[in-house]
Amino acid sequence: MVEVSQQLPVGNGYGYRLRTNLSDTQIGDAGLWLQNSRGKFGLEASRDQGKLNWRLSEMGGLVWMKSHVVLSRWLDDSFALVEVPQAKGVRVFANNQFITTTSRTGLALVPRLVPYDRNTVHLDDTNVPLQLGIDFDEKTVVPMPRSGVLVRFAALKLDGALFTLLMEDGNPVPLGAEATVNNNTELFQVALRGEVFVPNLSFPAKIRARWETGQCEATVPSAPGREPLPRIGPVVCRSQQ
């Protein structure tokens, strides 16, 4: 007998098996399996003395947790339901292994966690849109046997911009100056070349910058176009007494 096979991965992927008898070509079998976040699907065929048999299979599960209903793989051990609001296609890792990506509703199911032990879950920031602010801190969960836990990652749509603030003489606002927008109390640090990033704002935007020896104000009436997180400037920041 000769056999060639590949096991299914821990995450999404496929596996196969091809087996034949070199002394009797009338005996053999083959199988192809696909595994994704919604289940395991298989196609198998066998031949014995000229008779061909084949079989289609599907195995999956259904999770209802915290008002979320999710189709999943077959669950026979501990698992986690990952929630990343408004974030589609974010890669999810468990115990440093890639498992799946979030659905269009920002959900992903992570099977095969180790019960009574520390399991780590984290997100990959690759290809995440700039206008989406996500908590990428690693989470640790210790699930009970054959039970699930909900893992939430904060996600917020950013309607911000990167401003370049210049003084009236053409020099940038000093490095380290503190800026506020629309009289809010939240402070933003001015970086090199007078750049300051504001994650969320509304227009018209009134920016006030302060440093040890002075202060200035600038007003931006509207955003230039619909580009996410646009670069705005240079903006003249006029000195104030």
Protein backbone atom coordinates (compact mmCIF):
# COMPACT_ATOMS: atom_id res chain seq x y z
CA MET A 1 0.00 0.00 0.00
CA VAL A 2 1.18 3.53 -0.83
CA GLU A 3 -0.36 6.55 0.90
CA VAL A 4 0.13 10.30 0.48
CA SER A 5 -1.66 12.57 2.94
CA GLN A 6 -1.76 15.97 4.57
CA GLN A 7 -3.49 16.63 7.89
CA LEU A 8 -5.93 19.47 8.38
CA PRO A 9 -4.28 22.55 9.93
CA VAL A 10 -5.27 24.03 13.28
CA GLY A 11 -6.80 27.02 11.51
CA ASN A 12 -8.54 27.31 8.15
CA GLY A 13 -7.21 25.15 5.35
CA TYR A 14 -7.46 21.78 3.67
CA GLY A 15 -6.21 18.22 4.02
CA TYR A 16 -6.16 15.20 1.76
CA ARG A 17 -5.40 11.48 1.55
CA LEU A 18 -4.62 9.30 -1.47
CA ARG A 19 -4.06 5.57 -0.93
CA THR A 20 -3.66 2.72 -3.41
CA ASN A 21 -2.58 -0.90 -3.53
CA LEU A 22 0.28 -1.44 -5.99
CA SER A 23 -0.41 -5.17 -6.20
CA ASP A 24 -4.13 -4.71 -6.91
CA THR A 25 -5.10 -1.53 -8.74
CA GLN A 26 -8.79 -2.28 -8.11
CA ILE A 27 -8.35 -1.26 -4.45
CA GLY A 28 -7.80 2.34 -3.34
CA ASP A 29 -9.38 5.37 -1.76
CA ALA A 30 -9.03 9.15 -1.69
CA GLY A 31 -10.36 11.99 0.40
CA LEU A 32 -10.33 15.78 0.40
CA TRP A 33 -11.35 17.88 3.42
CA LEU A 34 -11.85 21.62 3.80
CA GLN A 35 -11.98 23.36 7.16
CA ASN A 36 -13.06 26.96 7.78
CA SER A 37 -14.73 28.98 10.49
CA ARG A 38 -18.14 27.48 9.69
CA GLY A 39 -17.32 23.80 9.74
CA LYS A 40 -15.53 20.87 8.18
CA PHE A 41 -16.51 19.58 4.74
CA GLY A 42 -15.33 16.37 3.14
CA LEU A 43 -15.44 14.41 -0.12
CA GLU A 44 -14.31 10.77 0.03
CA ALA A 45 -14.26 8.03 -2.60
CA SER A 46 -13.12 4.39 -2.52
CA ARG A 47 -12.82 1.57 -5.02
CA ASP A 48 -12.91 -2.10 -4.12
CA GLN A 49 -12.97 -4.80 -6.78
CA GLY A 50 -14.32 -2.45 -9.38
CA LYS A 51 -17.05 -0.99 -7.18
CA LEU A 52 -16.90 2.77 -6.61
CA ASN A 53 -18.30 4.30 -3.44
CA TRP A 54 -18.26 7.96 -2.46
CA ARG A 55 -19.42 10.07 0.44
CA LEU A 56 -20.01 13.76 1.17
CA SER A 57 -19.80 14.94 4.77
CA GLU A 58 -20.33 18.13 6.74
CA MET A 59 -19.69 18.75 10.41
CA GLY A 60 -20.24 22.01 12.27
CA GLY A 61 -21.72 23.72 15.28
CA LEU A 62 -23.85 26.65 16.39
CA VAL A 63 -22.87 29.06 19.17
CA TRP A 64 -25.28 31.40 20.95
CA MET A 65 -23.47 33.72 23.33
CA LYS A 66 -24.28 37.23 24.57
CA SER A 67 -26.94 37.84 21.86
CA HIS A 68 -24.52 36.61 19.15
CA VAL A 69 -25.40 33.56 17.02
CA VAL A 70 -22.42 32.17 15.12
CA LEU A 71 -21.94 29.17 12.84
CA SER A 72 -18.76 27.34 13.81
CA ARG A 73 -16.73 24.19 13.52
CA TRP A 74 -17.67 21.14 15.55
CA LEU A 75 -16.97 22.07 19.18
CA ASP A 76 -15.90 19.31 21.56
CA ASP A 77 -13.58 21.31 23.79
CA SER A 78 -13.09 24.81 25.18
CA PHE A 79 -13.48 27.76 22.81
CA ALA A 80 -13.61 31.56 22.65
CA LEU A 81 -15.86 33.94 20.75
CA VAL A 82 -13.84 36.98 19.69
CA GLU A 83 -15.70 40.26 19.17
CA VAL A 84 -14.12 43.20 17.31
CA PRO A 85 -16.95 45.65 16.51
CA GLN A 86 -17.02 47.11 12.97
CA ALA A 87 -13.85 45.21 12.04
CA LYS A 88 -14.12 42.80 9.12
CA GLY A 89 -11.26 40.56 7.99
CA VAL A 90 -8.98 41.04 11.01
CA ARG A 91 -6.66 38.05 11.54
CA VAL A 92 -7.11 36.28 14.88
CA PHE A 93 -4.34 34.29 16.59
CA ALA A 94 -4.65 31.92 19.54
CA ASN A 95 -1.56 30.66 21.38
CA ASN A 96 0.54 32.21 18.57
CA GLN A 97 -1.22 30.21 15.84
CA PHE A 98 -3.34 31.80 13.13
CA ILE A 99 -6.92 30.58 13.47
CA THR A 100 -9.30 32.65 11.35
CA THR A 101 -10.42 36.16 10.40
CA THR A 102 -13.34 38.16 11.73
CA SER A 103 -16.63 38.06 9.84
CA ARG A 104 -18.46 41.06 8.37
CA THR A 105 -20.02 41.57 11.82
CA GLY A 106 -16.62 41.52 13.53
CA LEU A 107 -16.94 38.07 15.11
CA ALA A 108 -14.59 35.08 15.06
CA LEU A 109 -14.72 31.75 16.84
CA VAL A 110 -11.53 30.20 18.23
CA PRO A 111 -11.84 26.45 18.96
CA ARG A 112 -9.55 24.01 20.76
CA LEU A 113 -8.44 26.13 23.68
CA VAL A 114 -6.72 24.39 26.58
CA PRO A 115 -9.03 24.17 29.62
CA TYR A 116 -7.80 25.23 33.07
CA ASP A 117 -4.78 26.86 31.45
CA ARG A 118 -3.75 30.29 30.20
CA ASN A 119 -4.57 30.79 26.52
CA THR A 120 -3.51 33.93 24.67
CA VAL A 121 -5.60 35.60 21.98
CA HIS A 122 -4.37 38.53 19.90
CA LEU A 123 -5.12 40.33 16.64
CA ASP A 124 -2.86 41.08 13.69
CA ASP A 125 -2.78 44.71 12.56
CA THR A 126 -1.89 43.79 8.96
CA ASN A 127 -4.26 45.40 6.42
CA VAL A 128 -6.41 47.02 9.12
CA PRO A 129 -7.79 50.32 7.73
CA LEU A 130 -6.14 53.44 9.12
CA GLN A 131 -9.48 54.92 10.08
CA LEU A 132 -10.20 52.01 12.44
CA GLY A 133 -8.68 52.19 15.91
CA ILE A 134 -8.43 48.70 17.45
CA ASP A 135 -7.12 47.46 20.77
CA PHE A 136 -4.27 45.14 19.75
CA ASP A 137 -3.27 44.21 23.30
CA GLU A 138 -2.99 40.46 23.87
CA LYS A 139 -5.80 38.93 25.94
CA THR A 140 -5.43 35.94 28.27
CA VAL A 141 -8.32 33.57 29.00
CA VAL A 142 -8.62 30.47 31.19
CA PRO A 143 -11.73 28.58 30.01
CA MET A 144 -13.59 25.75 31.74
CA PRO A 145 -13.72 22.36 29.96
CA ARG A 146 -16.17 22.16 27.06
CA SER A 147 -17.30 25.76 27.56
CA GLY A 148 -16.81 29.13 25.90
CA VAL A 149 -15.63 32.62 26.85
CA LEU A 150 -16.27 35.96 25.18
CA VAL A 151 -13.15 37.99 24.31
CA ARG A 152 -13.82 41.62 23.42
CA PHE A 153 -11.38 43.88 21.61
CA ALA A 154 -12.33 47.55 21.57
CA ALA A 155 -12.69 49.04 18.09
CA LEU A 156 -13.54 52.61 17.19
CA LYS A 157 -13.93 54.28 13.84
CA LEU A 158 -11.57 57.24 13.71
CA ASP A 159 -12.77 60.44 12.06
CA GLY A 160 -9.52 62.28 12.59
CA ALA A 161 -6.74 64.02 10.71
CA LEU A 162 -3.04 64.84 10.83
CA PHE A 163 -2.48 68.60 11.03
CA THR A 164 0.71 70.50 10.24
CA LEU A 165 0.78 73.71 12.27
CA LEU A 166 3.09 76.57 11.29
CA MET A 167 3.64 79.89 13.01
CA GLU A 168 3.09 83.14 11.15
CA ASP A 169 6.83 83.36 10.45
CA GLY A 170 6.78 79.94 8.71
CA ASN A 171 8.41 77.99 11.56
CA PRO A 172 6.60 74.93 12.93
CA VAL A 173 4.81 75.05 16.25
CA PRO A 174 7.40 73.94 18.87
CA LEU A 175 7.93 70.24 19.51
CA GLY A 176 6.13 69.12 22.68
CA ALA A 177 3.47 71.81 22.61
CA GLU A 178 0.04 70.71 23.80
CA ALA A 179 -2.96 71.18 21.52
CA THR A 180 -6.70 71.10 22.14
CA VAL A 181 -9.51 71.00 19.58
CA ASN A 182 -12.87 72.78 19.83
CA ASN A 183 -12.25 73.67 23.48
CA ASN A 184 -12.24 70.03 24.57
CA THR A 185 -10.06 69.05 27.52
CA GLU A 186 -8.23 66.21 25.76
CA LEU A 187 -4.61 67.13 25.02
CA PHE A 188 -2.61 66.16 21.93
CA GLN A 189 1.17 66.42 21.68
CA VAL A 190 2.74 68.35 18.79
CA ALA A 191 5.44 66.26 17.12
CA LEU A 192 8.26 67.12 14.72
CA ARG A 193 7.60 69.69 11.98
CA GLY A 194 4.53 70.94 13.84
CA GLU A 195 2.51 67.76 13.20
CA VAL A 196 -0.29 66.82 15.55
CA PHE A 197 -2.65 63.86 15.11
CA VAL A 198 -6.25 64.18 16.29
CA PRO A 199 -8.10 60.81 16.19
CA ASN A 200 -11.64 62.19 16.36
CA LEU A 201 -12.87 65.66 15.51
CA SER A 202 -15.66 67.60 13.89
CA PHE A 203 -15.48 70.58 11.55
CA PRO A 204 -15.05 73.47 11.74
CA ALA A 205 -12.06 72.56 13.92
CA LYS A 206 -10.61 75.22 16.20
CA ILE A 207 -7.10 74.21 17.29
CA ARG A 208 -5.29 75.89 20.16
CA ALA A 209 -1.64 75.07 20.91
CA ARG A 210 0.25 76.08 24.07
CA TRP A 211 3.90 75.85 25.09
CA GLU A 212 6.10 77.45 27.74
CA THR A 213 6.65 80.74 25.95
CA GLY A 214 3.48 81.23 23.97
CA GLN A 215 0.26 80.00 22.41
CA CYS A 216 -1.52 80.16 19.07
CA GLU A 217 -4.84 79.38 17.45
CA ALA A 218 -5.93 78.08 14.04
CA THR A 219 -9.28 77.29 12.49
CA VAL A 220 -9.91 74.69 9.79
CA PRO A 221 -13.42 75.17 8.32
CA SER A 222 -13.82 71.76 6.67
CA ALA A 223 -12.03 68.53 5.75
CA PRO A 224 -10.35 68.43 2.31
CA GLY A 225 -12.36 65.75 0.52
CA ARG A 226 -13.46 62.39 1.91
CA GLU A 227 -10.07 60.78 2.35
CA PRO A 228 -9.83 58.80 5.64
CA LEU A 229 -7.45 60.38 8.14
CA PRO A 230 -6.35 63.17 5.77
CA ARG A 231 -3.19 65.27 6.09
CA ILE A 232 -4.24 68.89 6.51
CA GLY A 233 -1.84 71.77 6.21
CA PRO A 234 0.29 73.62 6.51
CA VAL A 235 -2.18 75.53 8.69
CA VAL A 236 -1.17 78.96 9.97
CA CYS A 237 -1.45 79.09 13.76
CA ARG A 238 -1.72 82.75 14.79
CA SER A 239 -0.08 83.94 18.00
CA GLN A 240 -2.33 84.80 20.93
CA GLN A 241 -1.69 86.87 24.03
